[in-house]
Every structure is written in C-alpha cells, then in structure tokens.
C-alpha cells in the first residue's frame, strides 16, 4: 500500500486521499487538477537546518521571507537539494508531503495556511493530494503551533477565500 495512504488510513483520514489522473507536481498543476485556488494548495517547502531536513507547509501563493525565516531558525534559508529529497525526506520533488516522512524530519505549518477552511497538501507523489481542514492538517502533522516565515502577495494579504 502507498505509505501516505496507509498513514492517513491508520488515523481515519484515508478517504481524504485523492489520486489524480493529471500532475499535481506544481502549485498551478495541483490547483487545476483539484479545481481550487492556487493559494489553497499547501505546498511543502524543504529546507536544511543544521544539515537536518525541515518541511514548511505554506499556502500556494506564499513565499518564504528570508528575514522571518532567519529570525525563527537562526540561520539562512537553504533549500534541500532536489536530488537528495527522497534520501532526506522520503519523497521525490513534486510529491513531498508532511505524512509518512523519514524519521527525524521536522514539519512546520506556516500561518499563511490559516486563511482557508480547506487546503490540499501533496499525497506523496506527483499525482495526488489530500483534502483537509487546517486543523486536521495540524493534527495529522503533530504541529503544536504555527510559525510565521512567509509573506503573501500584497493583493492576497487581507483576502480570505
């Protein structure tokens, strides 16, 4: 069985897994496949902090703010090398998600997600997603608090779909 589907099923969320017939590897592709706003895609950003992988889930329209990132993690933002994602996190680029990751991978949720009632993180490959509320995502990832390391486009900052 798919490790992400197995993870979700064991926690009562298996029915939220969506197997797509088209690519969901990018925010734009995922939004088109799911018929939602790109901002509702919970993109997973992969960083290295002291050589350890860290995942930050952020709204599809958010971008990492280097000043905020450094203030929280006390280091410069350094993305995980694309060719090492599977080794470090357990998933290849285009399908990195916060479920069933390799041991030791820390997962954080950015405050940019809190604008939405429903969001769609990846499901572990480039043709899947998971439909969740932000509270459900928080429960499934075990994140105790949201962090604020991203910035929104000016037009989207005050808009809640």
Protein backbone atom coordinates (compact mmCIF):
# COMPACT_ATOMS: atom_id res chain seq x y z
CA UNK A 1 0.00 0.00 0.00
CA UNK A 2 1.01 3.60 -0.54
CA UNK A 3 2.76 4.77 2.70
CA UNK A 4 0.88 8.09 2.76
CA UNK A 5 -2.49 6.41 2.24
CA UNK A 6 -1.55 3.88 4.92
CA UNK A 7 -0.57 6.71 7.30
CA UNK A 8 -3.83 8.57 6.67
CA UNK A 9 -5.99 5.41 6.86
CA UNK A 10 -4.49 4.43 10.22
CA UNK A 11 -5.66 7.82 11.54
CA UNK A 12 -9.14 7.73 9.99
CA UNK A 13 -8.35 10.05 7.07
CA UNK A 14 -7.83 7.56 4.24
CA UNK A 15 -10.95 8.81 2.46
CA UNK A 16 -9.31 12.25 2.10
CA UNK A 17 -6.55 10.95 -0.17
CA UNK A 18 -7.11 11.96 -3.80
CA UNK A 19 -5.45 10.01 -6.61
CA UNK A 20 -5.28 12.32 -9.63
CA UNK A 21 -5.10 11.45 -13.32
CA UNK A 22 -3.05 14.58 -14.06
CA UNK A 23 0.07 16.02 -12.49
CA UNK A 24 -0.08 17.85 -9.18
CA UNK A 25 3.69 18.45 -9.03
CA UNK A 26 3.42 22.25 -9.06
CA UNK A 27 1.00 24.61 -7.34
CA UNK A 28 -0.56 25.56 -10.69
CA UNK A 29 -0.96 21.94 -11.79
CA UNK A 30 -2.43 20.88 -8.45
CA UNK A 31 -4.90 23.78 -8.40
CA UNK A 32 -6.04 22.98 -11.95
CA UNK A 33 -6.43 19.26 -11.16
CA UNK A 34 -8.33 19.96 -7.93
CA UNK A 35 -10.41 22.89 -9.27
CA UNK A 36 -9.36 25.19 -6.43
CA UNK A 37 -7.46 28.43 -6.00
CA UNK A 38 -3.68 28.06 -6.21
CA UNK A 39 -3.40 29.62 -2.75
CA UNK A 40 -5.33 26.64 -1.30
CA UNK A 41 -2.54 24.26 -2.29
CA UNK A 42 -0.47 23.59 0.84
CA UNK A 43 2.94 23.49 -0.79
CA UNK A 44 5.71 21.71 1.05
CA UNK A 45 8.97 23.61 1.13
CA UNK A 46 12.02 21.55 2.04
CA UNK A 47 14.98 23.12 3.85
CA UNK A 48 18.13 22.05 5.64
CA UNK A 49 18.66 23.43 9.14
CA UNK A 50 21.97 22.32 10.65
CA UNK A 51 22.09 19.59 7.96
CA UNK A 52 18.69 18.23 9.08
CA UNK A 53 15.62 18.28 6.79
CA UNK A 54 12.79 20.61 7.76
CA UNK A 55 9.46 20.85 5.94
CA UNK A 56 7.38 24.01 5.95
CA UNK A 57 3.84 23.84 4.61
CA UNK A 58 2.68 27.17 3.26
CA UNK A 59 -0.17 28.49 1.15
CA UNK A 60 0.40 28.17 -2.58
CA UNK A 61 0.68 31.94 -3.02
CA UNK A 62 3.13 32.45 -0.13
CA UNK A 63 6.87 32.92 -0.45
CA UNK A 64 9.49 32.45 2.23
CA UNK A 65 10.52 35.74 3.80
CA UNK A 66 14.27 35.38 4.39
CA UNK A 67 14.27 37.80 7.33
CA UNK A 68 11.43 35.96 9.10
CA UNK A 69 13.00 32.59 8.31
CA UNK A 70 16.34 33.63 9.81
CA UNK A 71 14.58 35.06 12.84
CA UNK A 72 12.85 31.74 13.53
CA UNK A 73 15.51 29.19 12.54
CA UNK A 74 18.58 31.36 13.33
CA UNK A 75 20.21 30.53 10.01
CA UNK A 76 19.98 31.47 6.35
CA UNK A 77 17.32 29.61 4.35
CA UNK A 78 18.90 26.74 2.43
CA UNK A 79 16.66 24.53 0.31
CA UNK A 80 17.19 20.76 0.31
CA UNK A 81 18.92 19.76 -2.91
CA UNK A 82 16.28 18.39 -5.27
CA UNK A 83 18.33 15.27 -5.99
CA UNK A 84 18.53 14.46 -2.25
CA UNK A 85 14.86 14.94 -1.32
CA UNK A 86 13.98 11.27 -1.47
CA UNK A 87 17.04 10.33 0.59
CA UNK A 88 16.49 13.06 3.20
CA UNK A 89 12.69 13.30 3.41
CA UNK A 90 11.35 10.14 1.78
CA UNK A 91 9.64 11.73 -1.22
CA UNK A 92 10.74 12.97 -4.63
CA UNK A 93 10.23 16.54 -5.82
CA UNK A 94 6.63 17.20 -6.83
CA UNK A 95 5.19 14.91 -4.17
CA UNK A 96 6.87 15.92 -0.91
CA UNK A 97 4.27 15.87 1.85
CA UNK A 98 4.17 16.03 5.65
CA UNK A 99 2.87 12.48 6.14
CA UNK A 100 4.94 9.29 6.48
CA UNK A 101 8.23 11.14 6.15
CA UNK A 102 11.55 9.67 7.20
CA UNK A 103 12.24 9.69 10.94
CA UNK A 104 13.65 12.94 12.25
CA UNK A 105 12.06 15.21 9.64
CA UNK A 106 10.54 18.21 11.40
CA UNK A 107 7.31 19.60 9.98
CA UNK A 108 6.09 23.17 10.46
CA UNK A 109 2.89 24.88 9.31
CA UNK A 110 3.11 28.49 8.19
CA UNK A 111 0.47 31.00 9.26
CA UNK A 112 -0.35 31.66 5.58
CA UNK A 113 -2.50 28.48 5.64
CA UNK A 114 -4.83 29.81 8.32
CA UNK A 115 -6.81 31.88 5.78
CA UNK A 116 -8.54 28.78 4.40
CA UNK A 117 -11.17 26.32 5.56
CA UNK A 118 -9.92 23.62 3.14
CA UNK A 119 -6.38 23.07 1.87
CA UNK A 120 -4.67 20.44 -0.26
CA UNK A 121 -1.20 19.18 0.63
CA UNK A 122 0.54 16.67 -1.65
CA UNK A 123 -0.06 12.98 -1.11
CA UNK A 124 3.46 11.65 -1.55
CA UNK A 125 3.74 11.62 -5.35
CA UNK A 126 3.20 13.93 -8.31
CA UNK A 127 -0.37 12.74 -8.95
CA UNK A 128 -2.04 13.02 -5.56
CA UNK A 129 -3.35 15.36 -2.90
CA UNK A 130 -5.14 15.23 0.44
CA UNK A 131 -8.24 17.31 1.20
CA UNK A 132 -8.06 18.60 4.78
CA UNK A 133 -9.05 21.44 7.04
CA UNK A 134 -6.15 23.37 8.53
CA UNK A 135 -6.99 21.93 11.97
CA UNK A 136 -6.92 18.39 10.53
CA UNK A 137 -3.54 19.08 8.90
CA UNK A 138 -2.24 20.38 12.21
CA UNK A 139 -3.45 17.24 14.00
CA UNK A 140 -2.05 14.85 11.37
CA UNK A 141 1.37 16.52 11.35
CA UNK A 142 1.55 16.91 15.13
CA UNK A 143 2.47 20.59 14.86
CA UNK A 144 1.72 22.33 18.12
CA UNK A 145 1.85 25.89 16.79
CA UNK A 146 2.00 27.79 13.52
CA UNK A 147 5.13 29.65 12.53
CA UNK A 148 5.29 32.86 10.50
CA UNK A 149 8.13 32.66 7.99
CA UNK A 150 6.32 33.51 4.75
CA UNK A 151 4.95 36.58 3.05
CA UNK A 152 1.88 36.85 0.89
CA UNK A 153 1.41 38.75 -2.35
CA UNK A 154 0.19 42.22 -1.47
CA UNK A 155 -3.25 41.70 -3.04
CA UNK A 156 -3.83 38.43 -1.14
CA UNK A 157 -2.69 39.55 2.29
CA UNK A 158 -6.13 40.52 3.57
CA UNK A 159 -8.29 38.23 1.44
CA UNK A 160 -9.80 35.03 2.86
CA UNK A 161 -11.49 32.73 0.32
